[in-house]
Amino acid sequence: MAQGQATKVKKRKKSVLKRAKQSIQRAEVNRNNRTRVRTMMKRLRNAITAGDKTAASDLFQPTLAAIDTAIGKGVLHENTGNRYKSRLSIAYHTIHVTKKA
């Protein structure tokens, strides 16, 4: 089903109509949560690739917290969230490590 399109309901029972309405509401909430997480991850990745340590430091903990929240709400699968956190933390720590020659 494309975004913003109505759900097709075959039966005109009260319970069926209610479940369709709840499904639409949950889809909107999940979409908002997923969008927020992806935006925060994108901002953190941009700060890391730009080499901006202060911006990356400010965004790191809130991004991980948003991923954990999305996992708790069922928006992201636990393994997916953990994979995102692992990759972001590896990238974050690479800009904070000073290379010794």
N, C-alpha and C. Protein backbone atom coordinates (compact mmCIF):
# COMPACT_ATOMS: atom_id res chain seq x y z
N MET A 1 0.85 -1.18 0.00
CA MET A 1 0.00 0.00 0.00
C MET A 1 0.89 1.23 0.00
N ALA A 2 0.62 2.13 -0.89
CA ALA A 2 1.41 3.35 -0.99
C ALA A 2 1.09 4.28 0.17
N GLN A 3 2.03 5.15 0.46
CA GLN A 3 1.85 6.07 1.57
C GLN A 3 0.73 7.06 1.26
N GLY A 4 -0.16 7.25 2.23
CA GLY A 4 -1.22 8.23 2.10
C GLY A 4 -2.46 7.73 1.42
N GLN A 5 -2.50 6.44 1.05
CA GLN A 5 -3.68 5.91 0.41
C GLN A 5 -4.57 5.24 1.43
N ALA A 6 -5.86 5.20 1.13
CA ALA A 6 -6.83 4.62 2.04
C ALA A 6 -6.68 3.11 2.08
N THR A 7 -7.02 2.53 3.23
CA THR A 7 -7.01 1.09 3.39
C THR A 7 -8.32 0.53 2.86
N LYS A 8 -8.23 -0.54 2.10
CA LYS A 8 -9.44 -1.16 1.58
C LYS A 8 -10.00 -2.09 2.65
N VAL A 9 -11.27 -1.90 2.96
CA VAL A 9 -11.94 -2.72 3.96
C VAL A 9 -13.07 -3.45 3.26
N LYS A 10 -13.02 -4.79 3.31
CA LYS A 10 -14.04 -5.56 2.61
C LYS A 10 -15.32 -5.66 3.41
N LYS A 11 -15.19 -5.90 4.70
CA LYS A 11 -16.38 -6.06 5.52
C LYS A 11 -16.71 -4.75 6.22
N ARG A 12 -17.97 -4.48 6.36
CA ARG A 12 -18.42 -3.26 7.01
C ARG A 12 -18.89 -3.55 8.43
N LYS A 13 -18.04 -4.25 9.18
CA LYS A 13 -18.35 -4.50 10.59
C LYS A 13 -17.64 -3.45 11.43
N LYS A 14 -18.17 -3.22 12.60
CA LYS A 14 -17.58 -2.23 13.49
C LYS A 14 -16.14 -2.57 13.83
N SER A 15 -15.89 -3.83 14.15
CA SER A 15 -14.55 -4.24 14.57
C SER A 15 -13.55 -4.13 13.42
N VAL A 16 -14.00 -4.45 12.20
CA VAL A 16 -13.12 -4.38 11.04
C VAL A 16 -12.76 -2.92 10.75
N LEU A 17 -13.74 -2.05 10.82
CA LEU A 17 -13.49 -0.64 10.59
C LEU A 17 -12.56 -0.06 11.65
N LYS A 18 -12.76 -0.49 12.89
CA LYS A 18 -11.91 0.01 13.98
C LYS A 18 -10.46 -0.46 13.78
N ARG A 19 -10.27 -1.74 13.42
CA ARG A 19 -8.92 -2.25 13.21
C ARG A 19 -8.23 -1.54 12.04
N ALA A 20 -8.99 -1.23 11.00
CA ALA A 20 -8.42 -0.50 9.86
C ALA A 20 -7.97 0.89 10.29
N LYS A 21 -8.79 1.54 11.11
CA LYS A 21 -8.45 2.87 11.60
C LYS A 21 -7.21 2.82 12.50
N GLN A 22 -7.15 1.81 13.37
CA GLN A 22 -5.98 1.66 14.25
C GLN A 22 -4.72 1.37 13.45
N SER A 23 -4.87 0.59 12.40
CA SER A 23 -3.73 0.26 11.55
C SER A 23 -3.15 1.51 10.90
N ILE A 24 -4.02 2.39 10.44
CA ILE A 24 -3.58 3.64 9.82
C ILE A 24 -2.87 4.51 10.85
N GLN A 25 -3.42 4.59 12.05
CA GLN A 25 -2.80 5.41 13.10
C GLN A 25 -1.44 4.86 13.51
N ARG A 26 -1.33 3.54 13.67
CA ARG A 26 -0.06 2.94 14.06
C ARG A 26 0.99 3.12 12.96
N ALA A 27 0.55 3.01 11.70
CA ALA A 27 1.48 3.20 10.59
C ALA A 27 2.05 4.60 10.60
N GLU A 28 1.23 5.59 10.93
CA GLU A 28 1.71 6.97 10.98
C GLU A 28 2.70 7.17 12.11
N VAL A 29 2.41 6.61 13.28
CA VAL A 29 3.31 6.73 14.43
C VAL A 29 4.64 6.04 14.13
N ASN A 30 4.56 4.84 13.56
CA ASN A 30 5.79 4.11 13.22
C ASN A 30 6.61 4.85 12.18
N ARG A 31 5.94 5.45 11.20
CA ARG A 31 6.65 6.20 10.17
C ARG A 31 7.36 7.40 10.78
N ASN A 32 6.70 8.10 11.71
CA ASN A 32 7.33 9.25 12.37
C ASN A 32 8.55 8.83 13.17
N ASN A 33 8.43 7.74 13.91
CA ASN A 33 9.56 7.25 14.71
C ASN A 33 10.72 6.83 13.82
N ARG A 34 10.43 6.10 12.75
CA ARG A 34 11.47 5.64 11.84
C ARG A 34 12.16 6.82 11.16
N THR A 35 11.38 7.83 10.78
CA THR A 35 11.94 9.02 10.14
C THR A 35 12.87 9.76 11.09
N ARG A 36 12.44 9.90 12.35
CA ARG A 36 13.26 10.60 13.34
C ARG A 36 14.60 9.88 13.53
N VAL A 37 14.57 8.57 13.64
CA VAL A 37 15.80 7.80 13.85
C VAL A 37 16.72 7.94 12.64
N ARG A 38 16.15 7.80 11.44
CA ARG A 38 16.98 7.88 10.24
C ARG A 38 17.58 9.27 10.06
N THR A 39 16.83 10.31 10.40
CA THR A 39 17.35 11.67 10.30
C THR A 39 18.50 11.88 11.27
N MET A 40 18.35 11.41 12.50
CA MET A 40 19.42 11.56 13.49
C MET A 40 20.67 10.79 13.05
N MET A 41 20.48 9.59 12.51
CA MET A 41 21.63 8.81 12.04
C MET A 41 22.33 9.52 10.89
N LYS A 42 21.56 10.11 10.00
CA LYS A 42 22.13 10.82 8.87
C LYS A 42 22.93 12.03 9.33
N ARG A 43 22.40 12.78 10.31
CA ARG A 43 23.12 13.94 10.84
C ARG A 43 24.43 13.52 11.49
N LEU A 44 24.40 12.43 12.26
CA LEU A 44 25.61 11.94 12.91
C LEU A 44 26.64 11.50 11.87
N ARG A 45 26.19 10.76 10.85
CA ARG A 45 27.11 10.32 9.80
C ARG A 45 27.73 11.50 9.07
N ASN A 46 26.93 12.53 8.81
CA ASN A 46 27.46 13.72 8.14
C ASN A 46 28.50 14.43 9.00
N ALA A 47 28.25 14.51 10.30
CA ALA A 47 29.21 15.13 11.20
C ALA A 47 30.51 14.32 11.26
N ILE A 48 30.38 13.00 11.25
CA ILE A 48 31.56 12.14 11.31
C ILE A 48 32.38 12.27 10.03
N THR A 49 31.71 12.25 8.88
CA THR A 49 32.46 12.34 7.62
C THR A 49 33.09 13.72 7.44
N ALA A 50 32.45 14.76 8.02
CA ALA A 50 33.03 16.10 7.95
C ALA A 50 34.19 16.26 8.93
N GLY A 51 34.31 15.35 9.89
CA GLY A 51 35.38 15.42 10.88
C GLY A 51 35.09 16.39 12.00
N ASP A 52 33.83 16.75 12.16
CA ASP A 52 33.42 17.71 13.20
C ASP A 52 33.22 16.96 14.52
N LYS A 53 34.25 17.01 15.37
CA LYS A 53 34.21 16.24 16.62
C LYS A 53 33.14 16.74 17.59
N THR A 54 32.98 18.06 17.69
CA THR A 54 32.01 18.58 18.66
C THR A 54 30.58 18.24 18.25
N ALA A 55 30.27 18.38 16.97
CA ALA A 55 28.91 18.05 16.51
C ALA A 55 28.66 16.55 16.68
N ALA A 56 29.65 15.74 16.36
CA ALA A 56 29.50 14.30 16.50
C ALA A 56 29.31 13.93 17.96
N SER A 57 30.04 14.59 18.86
CA SER A 57 29.90 14.31 20.29
C SER A 57 28.52 14.69 20.80
N ASP A 58 27.98 15.80 20.28
CA ASP A 58 26.65 16.24 20.71
C ASP A 58 25.55 15.32 20.18
N LEU A 59 25.76 14.71 19.03
CA LEU A 59 24.72 13.90 18.40
C LEU A 59 24.81 12.42 18.75
N PHE A 60 25.95 11.97 19.26
CA PHE A 60 26.16 10.53 19.43
C PHE A 60 25.18 9.90 20.42
N GLN A 61 25.15 10.38 21.65
CA GLN A 61 24.27 9.77 22.66
C GLN A 61 22.78 9.89 22.33
N PRO A 62 22.29 11.06 21.88
CA PRO A 62 20.86 11.13 21.52
C PRO A 62 20.48 10.20 20.37
N THR A 63 21.42 9.98 19.43
CA THR A 63 21.13 9.08 18.32
C THR A 63 21.00 7.65 18.82
N LEU A 64 21.92 7.23 19.68
CA LEU A 64 21.83 5.87 20.23
C LEU A 64 20.57 5.70 21.07
N ALA A 65 20.19 6.75 21.80
CA ALA A 65 18.97 6.69 22.59
C ALA A 65 17.74 6.59 21.69
N ALA A 66 17.74 7.30 20.58
CA ALA A 66 16.61 7.23 19.65
C ALA A 66 16.51 5.84 19.02
N ILE A 67 17.64 5.23 18.73
CA ILE A 67 17.63 3.86 18.18
C ILE A 67 17.08 2.90 19.22
N ASP A 68 17.51 3.03 20.47
CA ASP A 68 16.98 2.18 21.54
C ASP A 68 15.48 2.36 21.71
N THR A 69 15.01 3.60 21.63
CA THR A 69 13.59 3.87 21.74
C THR A 69 12.82 3.20 20.60
N ALA A 70 13.36 3.28 19.39
CA ALA A 70 12.71 2.66 18.24
C ALA A 70 12.65 1.14 18.39
N ILE A 71 13.71 0.56 18.97
CA ILE A 71 13.70 -0.88 19.23
C ILE A 71 12.62 -1.21 20.24
N GLY A 72 12.53 -0.42 21.29
CA GLY A 72 11.52 -0.66 22.33
C GLY A 72 10.10 -0.53 21.83
N LYS A 73 9.87 0.37 20.89
CA LYS A 73 8.53 0.58 20.34
C LYS A 73 8.20 -0.41 19.23
N GLY A 74 9.17 -1.20 18.82
CA GLY A 74 8.93 -2.19 17.78
C GLY A 74 9.05 -1.64 16.38
N VAL A 75 9.59 -0.43 16.24
CA VAL A 75 9.76 0.16 14.92
C VAL A 75 10.94 -0.49 14.22
N LEU A 76 12.00 -0.74 14.97
CA LEU A 76 13.19 -1.43 14.44
C LEU A 76 13.32 -2.78 15.14
N HIS A 77 13.80 -3.77 14.41
CA HIS A 77 14.12 -5.05 15.03
C HIS A 77 15.37 -4.86 15.88
N GLU A 78 15.49 -5.65 16.92
CA GLU A 78 16.60 -5.48 17.87
C GLU A 78 17.96 -5.66 17.20
N ASN A 79 18.08 -6.67 16.35
CA ASN A 79 19.37 -6.89 15.68
C ASN A 79 19.70 -5.75 14.73
N THR A 80 18.70 -5.22 14.05
CA THR A 80 18.92 -4.11 13.14
C THR A 80 19.40 -2.89 13.90
N GLY A 81 18.75 -2.58 15.02
CA GLY A 81 19.15 -1.44 15.84
C GLY A 81 20.55 -1.60 16.39
N ASN A 82 20.86 -2.81 16.84
CA ASN A 82 22.20 -3.05 17.38
C ASN A 82 23.26 -2.93 16.29
N ARG A 83 22.93 -3.36 15.08
CA ARG A 83 23.86 -3.22 13.96
C ARG A 83 24.12 -1.75 13.66
N TYR A 84 23.05 -0.95 13.64
CA TYR A 84 23.20 0.49 13.41
C TYR A 84 24.08 1.12 14.49
N LYS A 85 23.80 0.78 15.75
CA LYS A 85 24.58 1.35 16.85
C LYS A 85 26.04 0.96 16.76
N SER A 86 26.31 -0.28 16.41
CA SER A 86 27.69 -0.76 16.31
C SER A 86 28.44 0.00 15.22
N ARG A 87 27.83 0.13 14.06
CA ARG A 87 28.50 0.80 12.95
C ARG A 87 28.71 2.28 13.25
N LEU A 88 27.72 2.91 13.87
CA LEU A 88 27.86 4.33 14.20
C LEU A 88 28.94 4.54 15.25
N SER A 89 29.00 3.66 16.25
CA SER A 89 30.00 3.84 17.29
C SER A 89 31.41 3.59 16.76
N ILE A 90 31.57 2.64 15.85
CA ILE A 90 32.88 2.41 15.24
C ILE A 90 33.31 3.65 14.46
N ALA A 91 32.39 4.21 13.68
CA ALA A 91 32.71 5.40 12.89
C ALA A 91 32.99 6.59 13.80
N TYR A 92 32.22 6.70 14.88
CA TYR A 92 32.39 7.81 15.83
C TYR A 92 33.76 7.74 16.50
N HIS A 93 34.16 6.55 16.91
CA HIS A 93 35.43 6.42 17.62
C HIS A 93 36.64 6.55 16.70
N THR A 94 36.45 6.37 15.40
CA THR A 94 37.60 6.54 14.50
C THR A 94 38.04 7.99 14.40
N ILE A 95 37.10 8.94 14.55
CA ILE A 95 37.52 10.36 14.47
C ILE A 95 38.11 10.84 15.78
N HIS A 96 37.87 10.10 16.87
CA HIS A 96 38.40 10.51 18.17
C HIS A 96 39.74 9.88 18.50
N VAL A 97 40.15 8.90 17.72
CA VAL A 97 41.43 8.24 17.95
C VAL A 97 42.51 9.03 17.21
N THR A 98 43.52 9.39 17.93
CA THR A 98 44.64 10.08 17.28
C THR A 98 45.65 9.02 16.84
N LYS A 99 46.03 9.10 15.59
CA LYS A 99 46.97 8.10 15.06
C LYS A 99 48.39 8.48 15.44
N LYS A 100 49.10 7.50 15.99
CA LYS A 100 50.50 7.70 16.35
C LYS A 100 51.38 7.17 15.24
N ALA A 101 52.27 8.02 14.79
CA ALA A 101 53.13 7.62 13.66
C ALA A 101 54.40 6.98 14.14
